[in-house]
Amino acid sequence: MARHRSLRSELYRDARLLGNVQAAAHGPGAYATRYARRKVYSRTNSFTHSILRSINLSK
């Protein structure tokens, strides 16, 4: 059985998809820029989270 998603997570998901569609509409360069930016954010957020977790400030 699938988990019920909250309204907030659905809205964030839809906003992310809309951003992807808008970037794709502006061409492959815009989409590649968005993709690269999201990868960088993912890595830096992951690094920050691991530091906070190591000093017991995050779950």
PDB file of N, CA and C in Angstrom:
ATOM      1  N   MET A   1       0.832  -1.184   0.000  1.00  0.00           N
ATOM      2  CA  MET A   1       0.000   0.000   0.000  1.00  0.00           C
ATOM      3  C   MET A   1       0.884   1.257   0.000  1.00  0.00           C
ATOM      4  N   ALA A   2       0.582   2.183  -0.847  1.00  0.00           N
ATOM      5  CA  ALA A   2       1.377   3.399  -0.978  1.00  0.00           C
ATOM      6  C   ALA A   2       1.125   4.332   0.204  1.00  0.00           C
ATOM      7  N   ARG A   3       2.167   5.052   0.583  1.00  0.00           N
ATOM      8  CA  ARG A   3       2.030   6.012   1.669  1.00  0.00           C
ATOM      9  C   ARG A   3       1.287   7.247   1.191  1.00  0.00           C
ATOM     10  N   HIS A   4       0.531   7.842   2.104  1.00  0.00           N
ATOM     11  CA  HIS A   4      -0.182   9.081   1.792  1.00  0.00           C
ATOM     12  C   HIS A   4       0.807  10.240   1.852  1.00  0.00           C
ATOM     13  N   ARG A   5       0.849  11.038   0.812  1.00  0.00           N
ATOM     14  CA  ARG A   5       1.742  12.195   0.792  1.00  0.00           C
ATOM     15  C   ARG A   5       1.011  13.419   1.311  1.00  0.00           C
ATOM     16  N   SER A   6       1.741  14.236   2.047  1.00  0.00           N
ATOM     17  CA  SER A   6       1.123  15.441   2.586  1.00  0.00           C
ATOM     18  C   SER A   6       0.906  16.456   1.463  1.00  0.00           C
ATOM     19  N   LEU A   7       0.014  17.378   1.718  1.00  0.00           N
ATOM     20  CA  LEU A   7      -0.256  18.434   0.749  1.00  0.00           C
ATOM     21  C   LEU A   7       1.011  19.236   0.476  1.00  0.00           C
ATOM     22  N   ARG A   8       1.784  19.519   1.522  1.00  0.00           N
ATOM     23  CA  ARG A   8       3.015  20.289   1.360  1.00  0.00           C
ATOM     24  C   ARG A   8       3.983  19.578   0.427  1.00  0.00           C
ATOM     25  N   SER A   9       4.180  18.277   0.620  1.00  0.00           N
ATOM     26  CA  SER A   9       5.117  17.562  -0.242  1.00  0.00           C
ATOM     27  C   SER A   9       4.611  17.514  -1.681  1.00  0.00           C
ATOM     28  N   GLU A  10       3.304  17.400  -1.856  1.00  0.00           N
ATOM     29  CA  GLU A  10       2.728  17.422  -3.210  1.00  0.00           C
ATOM     30  C   GLU A  10       2.963  18.777  -3.877  1.00  0.00           C
ATOM     31  N   LEU A  11       2.788  19.865  -3.114  1.00  0.00           N
ATOM     32  CA  LEU A  11       3.000  21.202  -3.681  1.00  0.00           C
ATOM     33  C   LEU A  11       4.462  21.423  -4.053  1.00  0.00           C
ATOM     34  N   TYR A  12       5.383  20.993  -3.181  1.00  0.00           N
ATOM     35  CA  TYR A  12       6.809  21.124  -3.490  1.00  0.00           C
ATOM     36  C   TYR A  12       7.180  20.301  -4.722  1.00  0.00           C
ATOM     37  N   ARG A  13       6.616  19.094  -4.821  1.00  0.00           N
ATOM     38  CA  ARG A  13       6.884  18.231  -5.978  1.00  0.00           C
ATOM     39  C   ARG A  13       6.375  18.878  -7.261  1.00  0.00           C
ATOM     40  N   ASP A  14       5.159  19.415  -7.211  1.00  0.00           N
ATOM     41  CA  ASP A  14       4.587  20.064  -8.397  1.00  0.00           C
ATOM     42  C   ASP A  14       5.380  21.301  -8.801  1.00  0.00           C
ATOM     43  N   ALA A  15       5.858  22.062  -7.803  1.00  0.00           N
ATOM     44  CA  ALA A  15       6.665  23.249  -8.100  1.00  0.00           C
ATOM     45  C   ALA A  15       7.983  22.839  -8.758  1.00  0.00           C
ATOM     46  N   ARG A  16       8.585  21.746  -8.282  1.00  0.00           N
ATOM     47  CA  ARG A  16       9.835  21.269  -8.874  1.00  0.00           C
ATOM     48  C   ARG A  16       9.611  20.820 -10.312  1.00  0.00           C
ATOM     49  N   LEU A  17       8.521  20.101 -10.545  1.00  0.00           N
ATOM     50  CA  LEU A  17       8.215  19.654 -11.906  1.00  0.00           C
ATOM     51  C   LEU A  17       7.942  20.831 -12.835  1.00  0.00           C
ATOM     52  N   LEU A  18       7.220  21.825 -12.342  1.00  0.00           N
ATOM     53  CA  LEU A  18       6.936  23.007 -13.147  1.00  0.00           C
ATOM     54  C   LEU A  18       8.228  23.732 -13.514  1.00  0.00           C
ATOM     55  N   GLY A  19       9.136  23.854 -12.551  1.00  0.00           N
ATOM     56  CA  GLY A  19      10.436  24.477 -12.834  1.00  0.00           C
ATOM     57  C   GLY A  19      11.210  23.714 -13.886  1.00  0.00           C
ATOM     58  N   ASN A  20      11.148  22.378 -13.827  1.00  0.00           N
ATOM     59  CA  ASN A  20      11.831  21.557 -14.829  1.00  0.00           C
ATOM     60  C   ASN A  20      11.232  21.775 -16.207  1.00  0.00           C
ATOM     61  N   VAL A  21       9.912  21.848 -16.281  1.00  0.00           N
ATOM     62  CA  VAL A  21       9.236  22.052 -17.562  1.00  0.00           C
ATOM     63  C   VAL A  21       9.578  23.426 -18.129  1.00  0.00           C
ATOM     64  N   GLN A  22       9.560  24.446 -17.271  1.00  0.00           N
ATOM     65  CA  GLN A  22       9.882  25.799 -17.732  1.00  0.00           C
ATOM     66  C   GLN A  22      11.330  25.880 -18.219  1.00  0.00           C
ATOM     67  N   ALA A  23      12.256  25.234 -17.505  1.00  0.00           N
ATOM     68  CA  ALA A  23      13.656  25.239 -17.930  1.00  0.00           C
ATOM     69  C   ALA A  23      13.808  24.506 -19.264  1.00  0.00           C
ATOM     70  N   ALA A  24      13.119  23.386 -19.412  1.00  0.00           N
ATOM     71  CA  ALA A  24      13.189  22.632 -20.666  1.00  0.00           C
ATOM     72  C   ALA A  24      12.634  23.455 -21.820  1.00  0.00           C
ATOM     73  N   ALA A  25      11.627  24.276 -21.547  1.00  0.00           N
ATOM     74  CA  ALA A  25      11.043  25.110 -22.594  1.00  0.00           C
ATOM     75  C   ALA A  25      12.023  26.179 -23.077  1.00  0.00           C
ATOM     76  N   HIS A  26      12.978  26.546 -22.215  1.00  0.00           N
ATOM     77  CA  HIS A  26      13.978  27.545 -22.590  1.00  0.00           C
ATOM     78  C   HIS A  26      15.194  26.937 -23.276  1.00  0.00           C
ATOM     79  N   GLY A  27      15.185  25.639 -23.457  1.00  0.00           N
ATOM     80  CA  GLY A  27      16.251  24.991 -24.200  1.00  0.00           C
ATOM     81  C   GLY A  27      17.146  24.141 -23.324  1.00  0.00           C
ATOM     82  N   PRO A  28      18.003  23.362 -23.972  1.00  0.00           N
ATOM     83  CA  PRO A  28      18.851  22.430 -23.223  1.00  0.00           C
ATOM     84  C   PRO A  28      19.853  23.120 -22.304  1.00  0.00           C
ATOM     85  N   GLY A  29      20.305  24.301 -22.672  1.00  0.00           N
ATOM     86  CA  GLY A  29      21.255  25.019 -21.816  1.00  0.00           C
ATOM     87  C   GLY A  29      20.636  25.412 -20.495  1.00  0.00           C
ATOM     88  N   ALA A  30      19.408  25.895 -20.535  1.00  0.00           N
ATOM     89  CA  ALA A  30      18.714  26.289 -19.309  1.00  0.00           C
ATOM     90  C   ALA A  30      18.441  25.073 -18.430  1.00  0.00           C
ATOM     91  N   TYR A  31      18.074  23.970 -19.069  1.00  0.00           N
ATOM     92  CA  TYR A  31      17.799  22.762 -18.288  1.00  0.00           C
ATOM     93  C   TYR A  31      19.079  22.222 -17.662  1.00  0.00           C
ATOM     94  N   ALA A  32      20.181  22.264 -18.407  1.00  0.00           N
ATOM     95  CA  ALA A  32      21.468  21.795 -17.873  1.00  0.00           C
ATOM     96  C   ALA A  32      21.922  22.662 -16.706  1.00  0.00           C
ATOM     97  N   THR A  33      21.714  23.963 -16.811  1.00  0.00           N
ATOM     98  CA  THR A  33      22.068  24.874 -15.721  1.00  0.00           C
ATOM     99  C   THR A  33      21.266  24.534 -14.474  1.00  0.00           C
ATOM    100  N   ARG A  34      19.960  24.321 -14.648  1.00  0.00           N
ATOM    101  CA  ARG A  34      19.100  23.971 -13.512  1.00  0.00           C
ATOM    102  C   ARG A  34      19.533  22.648 -12.902  1.00  0.00           C
ATOM    103  N   TYR A  35      19.836  21.673 -13.735  1.00  0.00           N
ATOM    104  CA  TYR A  35      20.260  20.357 -13.264  1.00  0.00           C
ATOM    105  C   TYR A  35      21.546  20.470 -12.451  1.00  0.00           C
ATOM    106  N   ALA A  36      22.521  21.224 -12.973  1.00  0.00           N
ATOM    107  CA  ALA A  36      23.801  21.394 -12.279  1.00  0.00           C
ATOM    108  C   ALA A  36      23.600  22.109 -10.945  1.00  0.00           C
ATOM    109  N   ARG A  37      22.783  23.145 -10.934  1.00  0.00           N
ATOM    110  CA  ARG A  37      22.528  23.887  -9.698  1.00  0.00           C
ATOM    111  C   ARG A  37      21.906  22.984  -8.644  1.00  0.00           C
ATOM    112  N   ARG A  38      20.934  22.165  -9.057  1.00  0.00           N
ATOM    113  CA  ARG A  38      20.278  21.268  -8.098  1.00  0.00           C
ATOM    114  C   ARG A  38      21.242  20.227  -7.557  1.00  0.00           C
ATOM    115  N   LYS A  39      22.171  19.755  -8.382  1.00  0.00           N
ATOM    116  CA  LYS A  39      23.174  18.794  -7.913  1.00  0.00           C
ATOM    117  C   LYS A  39      24.094  19.435  -6.867  1.00  0.00           C
ATOM    118  N   VAL A  40      24.510  20.672  -7.123  1.00  0.00           N
ATOM    119  CA  VAL A  40      25.374  21.372  -6.169  1.00  0.00           C
ATOM    120  C   VAL A  40      24.648  21.570  -4.850  1.00  0.00           C
ATOM    121  N   TYR A  41      23.398  22.026  -4.906  1.00  0.00           N
ATOM    122  CA  TYR A  41      22.614  22.211  -3.681  1.00  0.00           C
ATOM    123  C   TYR A  41      22.485  20.891  -2.927  1.00  0.00           C
ATOM    124  N   SER A  42      22.253  19.821  -3.647  1.00  0.00           N
ATOM    125  CA  SER A  42      22.094  18.513  -3.020  1.00  0.00           C
ATOM    126  C   SER A  42      23.360  18.124  -2.265  1.00  0.00           C
ATOM    127  N   ARG A  43      24.509  18.343  -2.884  1.00  0.00           N
ATOM    128  CA  ARG A  43      25.781  17.978  -2.236  1.00  0.00           C
ATOM    129  C   ARG A  43      26.080  18.859  -1.036  1.00  0.00           C
ATOM    130  N   THR A  44      25.901  20.168  -1.179  1.00  0.00           N
ATOM    131  CA  THR A  44      26.227  21.059  -0.063  1.00  0.00           C
ATOM    132  C   THR A  44      25.245  20.858   1.088  1.00  0.00           C
ATOM    133  N   ASN A  45      23.967  20.638   0.780  1.00  0.00           N
ATOM    134  CA  ASN A  45      22.997  20.382   1.847  1.00  0.00           C
ATOM    135  C   ASN A  45      23.303  19.069   2.553  1.00  0.00           C
ATOM    136  N   SER A  46      23.721  18.079   1.804  1.00  0.00           N
ATOM    137  CA  SER A  46      24.079  16.793   2.386  1.00  0.00           C
ATOM    138  C   SER A  46      25.290  16.942   3.304  1.00  0.00           C
ATOM    139  N   PHE A  47      26.275  17.697   2.866  1.00  0.00           N
ATOM    140  CA  PHE A  47      27.483  17.931   3.660  1.00  0.00           C
ATOM    141  C   PHE A  47      27.135  18.677   4.950  1.00  0.00           C
ATOM    142  N   THR A  48      26.327  19.732   4.826  1.00  0.00           N
ATOM    143  CA  THR A  48      25.912  20.502   5.999  1.00  0.00           C
ATOM    144  C   THR A  48      25.140  19.621   6.973  1.00  0.00           C
ATOM    145  N   HIS A  49      24.251  18.805   6.454  1.00  0.00           N
ATOM    146  CA  HIS A  49      23.468  17.914   7.306  1.00  0.00           C
ATOM    147  C   HIS A  49      24.365  16.925   8.038  1.00  0.00           C
ATOM    148  N   SER A  50      25.366  16.390   7.363  1.00  0.00           N
ATOM    149  CA  SER A  50      26.259  15.429   8.013  1.00  0.00           C
ATOM    150  C   SER A  50      27.057  16.085   9.131  1.00  0.00           C
ATOM    151  N   ILE A  51      27.464  17.341   8.935  1.00  0.00           N
ATOM    152  CA  ILE A  51      28.183  18.062   9.990  1.00  0.00           C
ATOM    153  C   ILE A  51      27.265  18.289  11.188  1.00  0.00           C
ATOM    154  N   LEU A  52      26.053  18.762  10.930  1.00  0.00           N
ATOM    155  CA  LEU A  52      25.108  18.992  12.019  1.00  0.00           C
ATOM    156  C   LEU A  52      24.778  17.695  12.755  1.00  0.00           C
ATOM    157  N   ARG A  53      24.659  16.614  12.012  1.00  0.00           N
ATOM    158  CA  ARG A  53      24.368  15.324  12.628  1.00  0.00           C
ATOM    159  C   ARG A  53      25.535  14.869  13.501  1.00  0.00           C
ATOM    160  N   SER A  54      26.767  15.144  13.060  1.00  0.00           N
ATOM    161  CA  SER A  54      27.935  14.703  13.832  1.00  0.00           C
ATOM    162  C   SER A  54      28.052  15.438  15.168  1.00  0.00           C
ATOM    163  N   ILE A  55      27.507  16.640  15.258  1.00  0.00           N
ATOM    164  CA  ILE A  55      27.545  17.369  16.531  1.00  0.00           C
ATOM    165  C   ILE A  55      26.174  17.355  17.215  1.00  0.00           C
ATOM    166  N   ASN A  56      25.355  16.400  16.822  1.00  0.00           N
ATOM    167  CA  ASN A  56      24.046  16.143  17.453  1.00  0.00           C
ATOM    168  C   ASN A  56      23.098  17.332  17.394  1.00  0.00           C
ATOM    169  N   LEU A  57      23.108  18.079  16.309  1.00  0.00           N
ATOM    170  CA  LEU A  57      22.169  19.178  16.126  1.00  0.00           C
ATOM    171  C   LEU A  57      21.097  18.845  15.107  1.00  0.00           C
ATOM    172  N   SER A  58      21.140  17.634  14.569  1.00  0.00           N
ATOM    173  CA  SER A  58      20.150  17.213  13.588  1.00  0.00           C
ATOM    174  C   SER A  58      19.916  15.719  13.741  1.00  0.00           C
ATOM    175  N   LYS A  59      18.758  15.281  13.259  1.00  0.00           N
ATOM    176  CA  LYS A  59      18.430  13.834  13.350  1.00  0.00           C
ATOM    177  C   LYS A  59      19.154  13.056  12.305  1.00  0.00           C
TER     178      LYS A  59
END
